[in-house]
Amino acid sequence: FFFLMIRRPPRSTQSRSSAASDVYKRQFLNSFTEGHYHRNLEEFESSEILRRTSLRKKQHSDAMIAQLIAFTYLSLAQYEESLRYFNECSDILRDLYGERNQIYLSNRQNIGSVYMSQQENDKAFSYLKDLGKTQREILGEDSPVYMDTVATIAAVLLQQGEYNRALKHFKPYLEFLERNSVKQTDPNYAIVHYNIGLCFSRLGDYTQALEYLNKCEKIRKASVGTNHPDYAQVISEINALNQLLSNEVSTKELKESVENIRQRFGRNHPNYIIAVIDLGHAYYDLNDFKKALELYMEAEEISRRVVGIKNHTYSICLNNIGMVYVDLKEYGKAMETLKRCEAIQRETIGIKHSDYAITLHNIGRVLLEEGKYGEAFEYCEKSMEIKKRELSEDHPSIAETLRNMAIISYFFGDLQACIENFARCAAIFKKTFGENHRKYLIILEVMERLQLRQTISLSEFLNGSQYQRYDLQFGSVSYTHLRAHETGRNLVCRLLLEKKNLPAS
């Protein structure tokens, strides 16, 4: 019975907007390009103190100091402080230039980005939709400011699990960048490729996903180098997909990614949590369940402190811990943990999200292990109902649930339904992974034995009789492949850097 991991929270990468004044341009870009976010706070702290103690009228540079501090707090996942400084920056810009000025309108987008980072998706979408309407009316549809907001709306949709809608927003943004001859080393160009790759990955089109992610990798390698956390994240994403498609599992590069991100962000950051989760998955795939549990527990502890328990990232930590408990045959702990996960997801992402379907699926796995076939089938049906609504009919996750329903049908004695579901599952696996992939081969073996009316154990359904468990634990494969949200790194402050002296419109 397939047990599904949620690889990463459904959080996407935002487009970069807004900026710094020329006075701070060099130190700002250097610090962010190198990923030294704590250094930013130290560099701007003295300027902030001087600004607040000054009795003079607020100037453009005051807005820039507030904005730089806001971006730095955003990069460090200190959202309330970030929001406070972005609001202060907006107030100064409004007083200087008026509410119809593009500098002011650009900075307002950053407030929506903070809401998104806090996973307040409905609030972020509503705010950005209203802002985009205003920007379009004042600045026009081909304005960089408006298009940045379109890209951020797309990121919110991706985070909400609305992948096709997100693609419909990301693709016009990519066309806009290409139409305006934006340099391919521009971080926004890398970001949109990254996000489109995430959408295709989530939709189960791994070939398309790798095409966009590999393009992002080349851009980031050229623009920020191989030691930057942005590069480490896209490499981790590509590795996860390659491992899924090839059955090859490695921890080396993931360990390097974890250490790189720890050095840049520290342990108390969402991106470090996701890096640890990714490494845990690699150990899980190698059947080192104790090491996987240790890493999942570390991610859960940090997540509880940093983002709180009413957060989708935290629920994912619980899901993965529950997954390991199943393999350790501690079914009571598994059910308790997954039920907590389900309750949090019901509140945070809602019952229509595909990650919620994964959790229902996994609860069904526990019930099957306990021999409660009727209840297990009910959870499978609920999971399938969500997946059919949110995913394409040939998505690998659909196949995984079909596989589980086939196994339950077998134990109910309904051989015809069992074979039919396995056949549909095999067709999807063959299309997605190819006819030489272990997933497809196991299904073929099971179907041959069913035709011969041979008795099959639950373990053989999961792993096949010809395959050693240490090769790759079949029940651990994930289909989500989404990275942590990059909250504010590589900020390219185009408008305020290049258009500081624009007159108010």
Protein backbone atom coordinates (compact mmCIF):
# COMPACT_ATOMS: atom_id res chain seq x y z
CA PHE A 1 0.00 0.00 0.00
CA PHE A 2 1.61 3.18 -1.18
CA PHE A 3 2.59 5.67 1.50
CA LEU A 4 3.14 9.19 0.21
CA MET A 5 5.66 11.72 1.38
CA ILE A 6 5.07 15.42 1.07
CA ARG A 7 8.46 16.50 -0.13
CA ARG A 8 8.08 20.22 0.32
CA PRO A 9 5.53 22.79 1.32
CA PRO A 10 3.57 24.13 -1.65
CA ARG A 11 5.33 27.45 -1.54
CA SER A 12 6.78 29.12 -4.57
CA THR A 13 9.34 31.77 -5.39
CA GLN A 14 8.25 35.37 -5.60
CA SER A 15 9.24 37.84 -8.23
CA ARG A 16 11.62 40.53 -7.03
CA SER A 17 10.45 44.09 -7.09
CA SER A 18 11.29 47.48 -5.60
CA ALA A 19 14.70 48.77 -4.63
CA ALA A 20 17.38 50.77 -2.94
CA SER A 21 18.81 54.18 -3.60
CA ASP A 22 22.11 54.55 -5.42
CA VAL A 23 23.76 55.42 -2.11
CA TYR A 24 23.14 51.87 -0.83
CA LYS A 25 23.12 50.06 -4.17
CA ARG A 26 26.55 48.45 -3.98
CA GLN A 27 26.42 47.20 -0.40
CA PHE A 28 22.82 46.04 -0.80
CA LEU A 29 23.40 43.99 -3.93
CA ASN A 30 26.69 42.58 -2.66
CA SER A 31 25.15 41.43 0.59
CA PHE A 32 22.16 39.80 -1.08
CA THR A 33 24.11 38.27 -3.94
CA GLU A 34 26.42 36.63 -1.42
CA GLY A 35 23.51 35.66 0.84
CA HIS A 36 24.79 37.56 3.88
CA TYR A 37 21.46 38.63 5.37
CA HIS A 38 22.58 39.17 8.95
CA ARG A 39 25.31 41.46 7.63
CA ASN A 40 22.59 43.62 6.07
CA LEU A 41 21.05 44.34 9.45
CA GLU A 42 24.44 45.31 10.85
CA GLU A 43 25.21 47.58 7.90
CA PHE A 44 21.91 49.43 7.98
CA GLU A 45 21.46 49.55 11.75
CA SER A 46 23.43 52.77 12.20
CA SER A 47 21.62 54.43 9.30
CA GLU A 48 18.29 53.44 10.81
CA ILE A 49 19.19 54.93 14.19
CA LEU A 50 20.29 58.20 12.58
CA ARG A 51 17.16 58.34 10.47
CA ARG A 52 14.81 57.87 13.38
CA THR A 53 16.56 60.47 15.56
CA SER A 54 16.59 63.08 12.79
CA LEU A 55 14.05 65.92 12.90
CA ARG A 56 14.36 66.69 9.19
CA LYS A 57 11.65 65.99 6.64
CA LYS A 58 11.59 62.39 5.42
CA GLN A 59 13.52 61.85 2.19
CA HIS A 60 13.75 59.18 -0.48
CA SER A 61 16.79 57.68 1.23
CA ASP A 62 14.73 57.18 4.41
CA ALA A 63 12.29 55.04 2.46
CA MET A 64 15.19 53.07 1.04
CA ILE A 65 16.67 52.33 4.45
CA ALA A 66 13.28 51.12 5.66
CA GLN A 67 12.88 48.99 2.56
CA LEU A 68 16.30 47.40 2.81
CA ILE A 69 15.68 46.48 6.42
CA ALA A 70 12.26 45.09 5.44
CA PHE A 71 13.78 42.91 2.72
CA THR A 72 16.42 41.65 5.12
CA TYR A 73 13.85 40.70 7.74
CA LEU A 74 11.84 38.99 5.01
CA SER A 75 14.90 36.97 3.99
CA LEU A 76 15.36 35.96 7.63
CA ALA A 77 11.66 34.94 7.89
CA GLN A 78 10.93 37.62 10.49
CA TYR A 79 7.66 38.56 8.87
CA GLU A 80 6.10 40.97 11.36
CA GLU A 81 9.22 43.14 11.39
CA SER A 82 9.37 42.98 7.61
CA LEU A 83 5.75 44.07 7.30
CA ARG A 84 6.31 46.96 9.69
CA TYR A 85 9.19 48.36 7.65
CA PHE A 86 7.48 47.85 4.29
CA ASN A 87 4.48 49.79 5.59
CA GLU A 88 6.76 52.54 6.82
CA CYS A 89 8.47 52.68 3.43
CA SER A 90 5.07 52.94 1.71
CA ASP A 91 4.00 55.78 3.97
CA ILE A 92 7.14 57.76 3.15
CA LEU A 93 6.85 57.13 -0.59
CA ARG A 94 3.17 58.10 -0.60
CA ASP A 95 3.95 61.38 1.15
CA LEU A 96 6.80 62.12 -1.27
CA TYR A 97 5.29 61.05 -4.61
CA GLY A 98 1.57 60.40 -4.18
CA GLU A 99 -0.52 57.25 -4.51
CA ARG A 100 -0.37 57.11 -8.33
CA ASN A 101 3.41 56.99 -8.54
CA GLN A 102 4.95 53.72 -9.78
CA ILE A 103 7.61 53.67 -7.05
CA TYR A 104 4.90 53.73 -4.41
CA LEU A 105 2.80 51.16 -6.28
CA SER A 106 5.81 48.87 -6.66
CA ASN A 107 6.64 48.91 -2.96
CA ARG A 108 3.06 48.00 -2.07
CA GLN A 109 3.53 44.66 -3.81
CA ASN A 110 6.09 43.74 -1.17
CA ILE A 111 3.38 43.84 1.48
CA GLY A 112 1.46 41.18 -0.45
CA SER A 113 4.64 39.13 -0.62
CA VAL A 114 4.90 39.16 3.17
CA TYR A 115 1.30 37.91 3.47
CA MET A 116 2.23 35.11 1.10
CA SER A 117 5.33 34.25 3.10
CA GLN A 118 3.13 33.99 6.18
CA GLN A 119 0.97 31.54 4.19
CA GLU A 120 -2.01 33.87 4.47
CA ASN A 121 -2.91 32.98 0.91
CA ASP A 122 -6.45 34.35 0.74
CA LYS A 123 -5.31 37.65 2.22
CA ALA A 124 -2.34 37.81 -0.15
CA PHE A 125 -4.43 36.99 -3.22
CA SER A 126 -7.12 39.57 -2.40
CA TYR A 127 -4.54 42.27 -1.65
CA LEU A 128 -2.49 41.61 -4.80
CA LYS A 129 -5.54 41.31 -7.05
CA ASP A 130 -6.78 44.76 -5.95
CA LEU A 131 -3.27 46.20 -6.26
CA GLY A 132 -2.84 44.72 -9.73
CA LYS A 133 -6.10 46.29 -10.90
CA THR A 134 -4.89 49.70 -9.70
CA GLN A 135 -1.46 49.25 -11.29
CA ARG A 136 -2.97 48.20 -14.62
CA GLU A 137 -5.29 51.22 -14.69
CA ILE A 138 -2.53 53.71 -13.85
CA LEU A 139 0.60 52.21 -15.42
CA GLY A 140 -0.73 49.93 -18.18
CA GLU A 141 -0.60 46.18 -18.84
CA ASP A 142 2.99 46.24 -20.11
CA SER A 143 4.37 47.97 -17.03
CA PRO A 144 7.14 46.08 -15.18
CA VAL A 145 5.43 47.00 -11.91
CA TYR A 146 2.12 45.43 -12.96
CA MET A 147 3.81 42.32 -14.40
CA ASP A 148 5.77 41.79 -11.16
CA THR A 149 2.43 41.71 -9.36
CA VAL A 150 1.06 39.21 -11.91
CA ALA A 151 4.04 36.95 -11.15
CA THR A 152 3.48 37.26 -7.40
CA ILE A 153 -0.21 36.40 -7.82
CA ALA A 154 0.94 33.32 -9.73
CA ALA A 155 3.21 32.39 -6.82
CA VAL A 156 0.24 32.63 -4.44
CA LEU A 157 -1.81 30.35 -6.70
CA LEU A 158 1.06 27.85 -6.77
CA GLN A 159 1.22 27.95 -3.00
CA GLN A 160 -2.54 27.33 -2.86
CA GLY A 161 -2.18 24.25 -5.07
CA GLU A 162 -3.90 25.81 -8.11
CA TYR A 163 -1.15 24.80 -10.51
CA ASN A 164 -2.88 25.31 -13.86
CA ARG A 165 -4.06 28.78 -12.85
CA ALA A 166 -0.54 29.57 -11.68
CA LEU A 167 0.88 28.55 -15.08
CA LYS A 168 -1.58 30.87 -16.81
CA HIS A 169 -0.01 33.75 -14.86
CA PHE A 170 3.63 32.68 -14.98
CA LYS A 171 3.78 32.16 -18.73
CA PRO A 172 2.69 35.75 -19.65
CA TYR A 173 5.29 37.02 -17.20
CA LEU A 174 8.01 34.96 -18.91
CA GLU A 175 6.84 36.28 -22.29
CA PHE A 176 7.02 39.80 -20.90
CA LEU A 177 10.63 39.30 -19.79
CA GLU A 178 11.58 37.86 -23.18
CA ARG A 179 9.70 40.60 -25.05
CA ASN A 180 11.58 43.27 -23.14
CA SER A 181 14.96 41.59 -23.69
CA VAL A 182 15.61 41.07 -19.99
CA LYS A 183 19.07 39.59 -19.53
CA GLN A 184 19.02 35.88 -18.82
CA THR A 185 21.25 36.53 -15.80
CA ASP A 186 18.43 38.59 -14.26
CA PRO A 187 17.19 36.80 -11.11
CA ASN A 188 13.57 37.28 -12.19
CA TYR A 189 14.31 35.25 -15.32
CA ALA A 190 15.65 32.41 -13.17
CA ILE A 191 12.75 32.67 -10.74
CA VAL A 192 10.01 32.34 -13.34
CA HIS A 193 11.70 29.25 -14.83
CA TYR A 194 11.94 27.81 -11.32
CA ASN A 195 8.27 28.41 -10.59
CA ILE A 196 7.05 27.05 -13.93
CA GLY A 197 9.19 23.99 -13.23
CA LEU A 198 7.47 23.61 -9.87
CA CYS A 199 4.04 23.80 -11.48
CA PHE A 200 4.86 21.07 -14.00
CA SER A 201 6.41 18.95 -11.26
CA ARG A 202 3.29 19.22 -9.15
CA LEU A 203 1.15 18.38 -12.17
CA GLY A 204 3.20 15.22 -12.73
CA ASP A 205 4.91 16.37 -15.94
CA TYR A 206 8.45 15.70 -14.76
CA THR A 207 10.08 16.04 -18.19
CA GLN A 208 8.75 19.59 -18.60
CA ALA A 209 9.63 20.33 -14.99
CA LEU A 210 13.26 19.32 -15.49
CA GLU A 211 13.48 21.39 -18.68
CA TYR A 212 12.60 24.58 -16.79
CA LEU A 213 14.56 23.71 -13.65
CA ASN A 214 17.71 22.93 -15.64
CA LYS A 215 17.39 26.30 -17.36
CA CYS A 216 17.07 27.93 -13.93
CA GLU A 217 20.17 26.06 -12.72
CA LYS A 218 22.27 27.41 -15.59
CA ILE A 219 21.09 30.98 -14.95
CA ARG A 220 21.79 30.78 -11.24
CA LYS A 221 25.18 29.20 -11.74
CA ALA A 222 26.14 32.11 -14.01
CA SER A 223 24.61 34.82 -11.84
CA VAL A 224 25.23 33.81 -8.19
CA GLY A 225 27.67 30.91 -8.39
CA THR A 226 27.52 27.41 -6.94
CA ASN A 227 27.97 28.40 -3.28
CA HIS A 228 24.79 30.47 -3.02
CA PRO A 229 21.67 29.02 -1.30
CA ASP A 230 19.56 29.79 -4.39
CA TYR A 231 21.78 27.48 -6.42
CA ALA A 232 21.71 24.82 -3.72
CA GLN A 233 17.92 24.83 -3.71
CA VAL A 234 17.44 24.37 -7.43
CA ILE A 235 20.06 21.61 -7.45
CA SER A 236 18.19 19.85 -4.64
CA GLU A 237 14.96 20.13 -6.63
CA ILE A 238 16.56 18.69 -9.76
CA ASN A 239 18.16 15.87 -7.76
CA ALA A 240 14.82 14.92 -6.23
CA LEU A 241 13.20 14.63 -9.65
CA ASN A 242 16.13 12.71 -11.12
CA GLN A 243 16.03 10.28 -8.20
CA LEU A 244 12.31 9.78 -8.69
CA LEU A 245 12.75 9.05 -12.39
CA SER A 246 15.87 6.89 -12.10
CA ASN A 247 15.47 5.18 -8.70
CA GLU A 248 18.95 6.40 -7.74
CA VAL A 249 19.27 7.78 -4.23
CA SER A 250 22.19 9.87 -2.93
CA THR A 251 22.70 11.96 0.20
CA LYS A 252 26.00 13.66 -0.70
CA GLU A 253 24.68 16.73 -2.50
CA LEU A 254 21.74 17.06 -0.13
CA LYS A 255 24.11 17.14 2.85
CA GLU A 256 26.10 19.88 1.14
CA SER A 257 22.88 21.79 0.48
CA VAL A 258 21.82 21.55 4.14
CA GLU A 259 25.19 22.87 5.32
CA ASN A 260 25.22 25.65 2.73
CA ILE A 261 21.75 26.83 3.72
CA ARG A 262 22.59 26.56 7.44
CA GLN A 263 25.62 28.80 6.99
CA ARG A 264 23.65 31.38 5.00
CA PHE A 265 20.37 31.43 6.91
CA GLY A 266 21.01 29.73 10.21
CA ARG A 267 18.92 26.86 11.58
CA ASN A 268 15.88 28.96 12.46
CA HIS A 269 14.73 29.56 8.90
CA PRO A 270 12.04 27.90 6.71
CA ASN A 271 14.55 27.13 3.97
CA TYR A 272 16.75 25.20 6.41
CA ILE A 273 13.68 23.22 7.51
CA ILE A 274 12.98 22.20 3.93
CA ALA A 275 16.60 21.25 3.29
CA VAL A 276 16.53 18.97 6.35
CA ILE A 277 13.25 17.41 5.16
CA ASP A 278 14.80 16.70 1.76
CA LEU A 279 17.77 14.99 3.38
CA GLY A 280 15.39 12.98 5.55
CA HIS A 281 13.60 11.75 2.43
CA ALA A 282 16.88 10.54 0.96
CA TYR A 283 17.61 8.47 4.07
CA TYR A 284 14.03 7.19 4.03
CA ASP A 285 14.47 6.06 0.43
CA LEU A 286 17.57 4.18 1.58
CA ASN A 287 15.48 2.50 4.32
CA ASP A 288 17.48 4.19 7.09
CA PHE A 289 14.30 4.99 8.98
CA LYS A 290 15.97 5.94 12.25
CA LYS A 291 18.14 8.58 10.54
CA ALA A 292 15.13 9.80 8.56
CA LEU A 293 13.09 10.10 11.76
CA GLU A 294 15.91 12.02 13.44
CA LEU A 295 15.95 14.56 10.60
CA TYR A 296 12.16 14.82 10.42
CA MET A 297 12.08 15.42 14.18
CA GLU A 298 14.67 18.17 13.83
CA ALA A 299 12.58 19.82 11.12
CA GLU A 300 9.44 19.51 13.25
CA GLU A 301 11.11 21.09 16.29
CA ILE A 302 12.44 24.06 14.32
CA SER A 303 9.18 24.47 12.42
CA ARG A 304 7.18 24.54 15.65
CA ARG A 305 9.35 27.37 16.96
CA VAL A 306 9.82 29.35 13.76
CA VAL A 307 6.52 29.17 11.89
CA GLY A 308 4.18 27.77 14.53
CA ILE A 309 1.91 24.73 14.57
CA LYS A 310 -0.85 26.27 12.43
CA ASN A 311 1.31 26.24 9.35
CA HIS A 312 1.46 23.93 6.33
CA THR A 313 5.22 23.47 6.71
CA TYR A 314 4.64 22.12 10.21
CA SER A 315 1.91 19.77 8.98
CA ILE A 316 4.31 18.36 6.39
CA CYS A 317 6.81 17.58 9.16
CA LEU A 318 4.07 15.66 10.97
CA ASN A 319 3.14 13.76 7.81
CA ASN A 320 6.69 12.60 7.29
CA ILE A 321 7.13 11.58 10.93
CA GLY A 322 3.92 9.57 10.68
CA MET A 323 5.26 7.89 7.55
CA VAL A 324 8.34 6.63 9.40
CA TYR A 325 6.27 5.37 12.32
CA VAL A 326 4.35 3.18 9.87
CA ASP A 327 7.55 1.59 8.60
CA LEU A 328 8.69 1.09 12.18
CA LYS A 329 5.30 -0.61 12.76
CA GLU A 330 4.36 1.87 15.49
CA TYR A 331 0.84 2.29 14.14
CA GLY A 332 -0.60 4.06 17.18
CA LYS A 333 2.00 6.83 16.96
CA ALA A 334 1.55 6.96 13.19
CA MET A 335 -2.22 7.46 13.41
CA GLU A 336 -1.94 10.07 16.16
CA THR A 337 0.63 12.06 14.18
CA LEU A 338 -1.26 11.87 10.88
CA LYS A 339 -4.53 12.89 12.52
CA ARG A 340 -2.79 15.99 13.89
CA CYS A 341 -1.47 16.66 10.41
CA GLU A 342 -4.96 16.30 8.91
CA ALA A 343 -6.49 18.72 11.42
CA ILE A 344 -3.85 21.39 10.71
CA GLN A 345 -4.19 21.03 6.94
CA ARG A 346 -7.96 21.27 7.17
CA GLU A 347 -7.42 24.68 8.78
CA THR A 348 -4.48 25.93 6.72
CA ILE A 349 -4.74 24.65 3.14
CA GLY A 350 -8.30 23.35 3.15
CA ILE A 351 -9.87 20.05 2.16
CA LYS A 352 -9.54 20.63 -1.61
CA HIS A 353 -5.74 20.77 -1.67
CA SER A 354 -3.83 17.80 -3.13
CA ASP A 355 -1.54 17.68 -0.07
CA TYR A 356 -4.64 17.14 2.08
CA ALA A 357 -5.44 14.20 -0.21
CA ILE A 358 -1.98 12.79 0.52
CA THR A 359 -2.66 12.87 4.24
CA LEU A 360 -5.99 11.06 3.79
CA HIS A 361 -4.15 8.52 1.68
CA ASN A 362 -1.57 7.95 4.40
CA ILE A 363 -4.19 7.53 7.12
CA GLY A 364 -5.69 4.87 4.88
CA ARG A 365 -2.30 3.15 4.80
CA VAL A 366 -2.24 2.90 8.58
CA LEU A 367 -5.77 1.48 8.63
CA LEU A 368 -4.80 -1.14 6.06
CA GLU A 369 -1.77 -2.18 8.12
CA GLU A 370 -4.18 -2.63 11.03
CA GLY A 371 -6.47 -4.79 8.89
CA LYS A 372 -9.30 -2.22 8.84
CA TYR A 373 -9.98 -2.57 5.11
CA GLY A 374 -13.37 -0.87 5.03
CA GLU A 375 -12.13 2.28 6.72
CA ALA A 376 -8.96 2.24 4.61
CA PHE A 377 -11.01 2.12 1.41
CA GLU A 378 -13.13 5.07 2.56
CA TYR A 379 -10.02 7.21 3.03
CA CYS A 380 -8.75 6.14 -0.40
CA GLU A 381 -12.03 7.18 -1.98
CA LYS A 382 -11.91 10.59 -0.27
CA SER A 383 -8.32 11.04 -1.40
CA MET A 384 -9.15 10.03 -4.99
CA GLU A 385 -12.08 12.43 -5.12
CA ILE A 386 -9.79 15.37 -4.33
CA LYS A 387 -7.06 14.23 -6.70
CA LYS A 388 -9.44 13.79 -9.63
CA ARG A 389 -10.64 17.33 -9.11
CA GLU A 390 -7.21 18.92 -8.68
CA LEU A 391 -4.88 16.76 -10.82
CA SER A 392 -4.87 15.33 -14.34
CA GLU A 393 -6.23 11.82 -14.86
CA ASP A 394 -2.75 10.48 -15.69
CA HIS A 395 -0.99 12.05 -12.70
CA PRO A 396 1.30 9.60 -10.81
CA SER A 397 -0.57 10.32 -7.60
CA ILE A 398 -3.78 9.07 -9.19
CA ALA A 399 -1.91 5.86 -10.03
CA GLU A 400 -0.71 5.50 -6.47
CA THR A 401 -4.21 5.70 -5.06
CA LEU A 402 -5.48 3.32 -7.75
CA ARG A 403 -2.79 0.92 -6.59
CA ASN A 404 -3.91 1.17 -3.00
CA MET A 405 -7.54 0.64 -3.94
CA ALA A 406 -6.50 -2.41 -5.97
CA ILE A 407 -4.75 -3.91 -2.95
CA ILE A 408 -7.79 -3.33 -0.73
CA SER A 409 -10.05 -4.89 -3.41
CA TYR A 410 -7.79 -7.95 -3.36
CA PHE A 411 -8.20 -8.38 0.39
CA PHE A 412 -11.96 -7.90 -0.02
CA GLY A 413 -11.93 -10.73 -2.57
CA ASP A 414 -12.94 -8.57 -5.56
CA LEU A 415 -10.33 -9.82 -8.02
CA GLN A 416 -11.85 -8.08 -11.06
CA ALA A 417 -11.76 -4.61 -9.46
CA CYS A 418 -8.24 -5.36 -8.22
CA ILE A 419 -6.95 -6.20 -11.72
CA GLU A 420 -8.75 -3.25 -13.33
CA ASN A 421 -7.23 -0.76 -10.92
CA PHE A 422 -3.77 -2.27 -11.30
CA ALA A 423 -4.08 -2.03 -15.10
CA ARG A 424 -4.93 1.67 -14.94
CA CYS A 425 -2.09 2.20 -12.48
CA ALA A 426 0.39 0.40 -14.75
CA ALA A 427 -0.58 2.52 -17.75
CA ILE A 428 0.13 5.74 -15.84
CA PHE A 429 3.44 4.49 -14.41
CA LYS A 430 4.59 3.37 -17.85
CA LYS A 431 3.73 6.74 -19.37
CA THR A 432 5.38 8.71 -16.56
CA PHE A 433 8.46 6.66 -15.71
CA GLY A 434 9.00 4.32 -18.66
CA GLU A 435 8.76 0.56 -18.98
CA ASN A 436 12.11 -0.13 -17.25
CA HIS A 437 11.27 1.71 -14.04
CA ARG A 438 10.94 -0.37 -10.90
CA LYS A 439 7.45 0.96 -10.12
CA TYR A 440 6.09 -0.26 -13.44
CA LEU A 441 7.91 -3.59 -13.23
CA ILE A 442 6.48 -4.36 -9.78
CA ILE A 443 2.94 -3.72 -11.03
CA LEU A 444 3.53 -6.04 -14.00
CA GLU A 445 4.79 -8.80 -11.70
CA VAL A 446 1.79 -8.40 -9.39
CA MET A 447 -0.66 -8.54 -12.31
CA GLU A 448 0.96 -11.71 -13.68
CA ARG A 449 0.62 -13.40 -10.30
CA LEU A 450 -3.00 -12.28 -10.02
CA GLN A 451 -3.76 -13.83 -13.41
CA LEU A 452 -2.23 -17.09 -12.12
CA ARG A 453 -4.40 -16.83 -8.99
CA GLN A 454 -1.33 -16.88 -6.75
CA THR A 455 -1.57 -15.70 -3.16
CA ILE A 456 0.17 -12.36 -2.63
CA SER A 457 1.16 -10.84 0.70
CA LEU A 458 0.93 -7.14 1.54
CA SER A 459 4.73 -6.91 1.52
CA GLU A 460 4.87 -8.39 -1.98
CA PHE A 461 2.23 -5.95 -3.18
CA LEU A 462 4.45 -3.14 -1.94
CA ASN A 463 7.85 -4.33 -3.10
CA GLY A 464 7.43 -7.28 -5.42
CA SER A 465 8.97 -10.69 -4.78
CA GLN A 466 11.99 -10.13 -7.05
CA TYR A 467 13.18 -6.90 -5.50
CA GLN A 468 15.15 -6.42 -2.31
CA ARG A 469 13.75 -3.82 0.05
CA TYR A 470 17.11 -2.08 0.41
CA ASP A 471 17.05 -1.24 -3.33
CA LEU A 472 14.36 1.41 -2.95
CA GLN A 473 11.49 1.33 -0.55
CA PHE A 474 8.56 1.56 -2.90
CA GLY A 475 6.12 3.19 -0.53
CA SER A 476 8.23 6.28 0.02
CA VAL A 477 8.05 7.92 -3.37
CA SER A 478 6.63 11.41 -3.46
CA TYR A 479 5.05 13.34 -6.27
CA THR A 480 4.99 16.81 -4.80
CA HIS A 481 8.54 18.09 -5.37
CA LEU A 482 8.04 21.66 -4.25
CA ARG A 483 10.75 23.74 -2.69
CA ALA A 484 10.59 26.22 0.10
CA HIS A 485 9.54 29.70 -0.72
CA GLU A 486 12.42 32.09 -1.31
CA THR A 487 11.23 35.06 0.63
CA GLY A 488 13.50 37.83 -0.48
CA ARG A 489 16.88 36.73 -1.69
CA ASN A 490 18.67 38.22 -4.71
CA LEU A 491 16.37 41.21 -4.51
CA VAL A 492 16.75 43.20 -7.68
CA CYS A 493 15.35 46.57 -6.86
CA ARG A 494 14.92 47.74 -10.42
CA LEU A 495 12.54 50.63 -9.97
CA LEU A 496 14.18 52.40 -7.10
CA LEU A 497 17.72 51.69 -8.26
CA GLU A 498 17.22 52.88 -11.80
CA LYS A 499 14.32 55.28 -11.47
CA LYS A 500 15.00 57.01 -8.21
CA ASN A 501 14.43 60.45 -9.71
CA LEU A 502 11.18 59.67 -11.49
CA PRO A 503 8.69 62.50 -11.06
CA ALA A 504 5.45 61.77 -9.28
CA SER A 505 2.70 60.93 -11.73
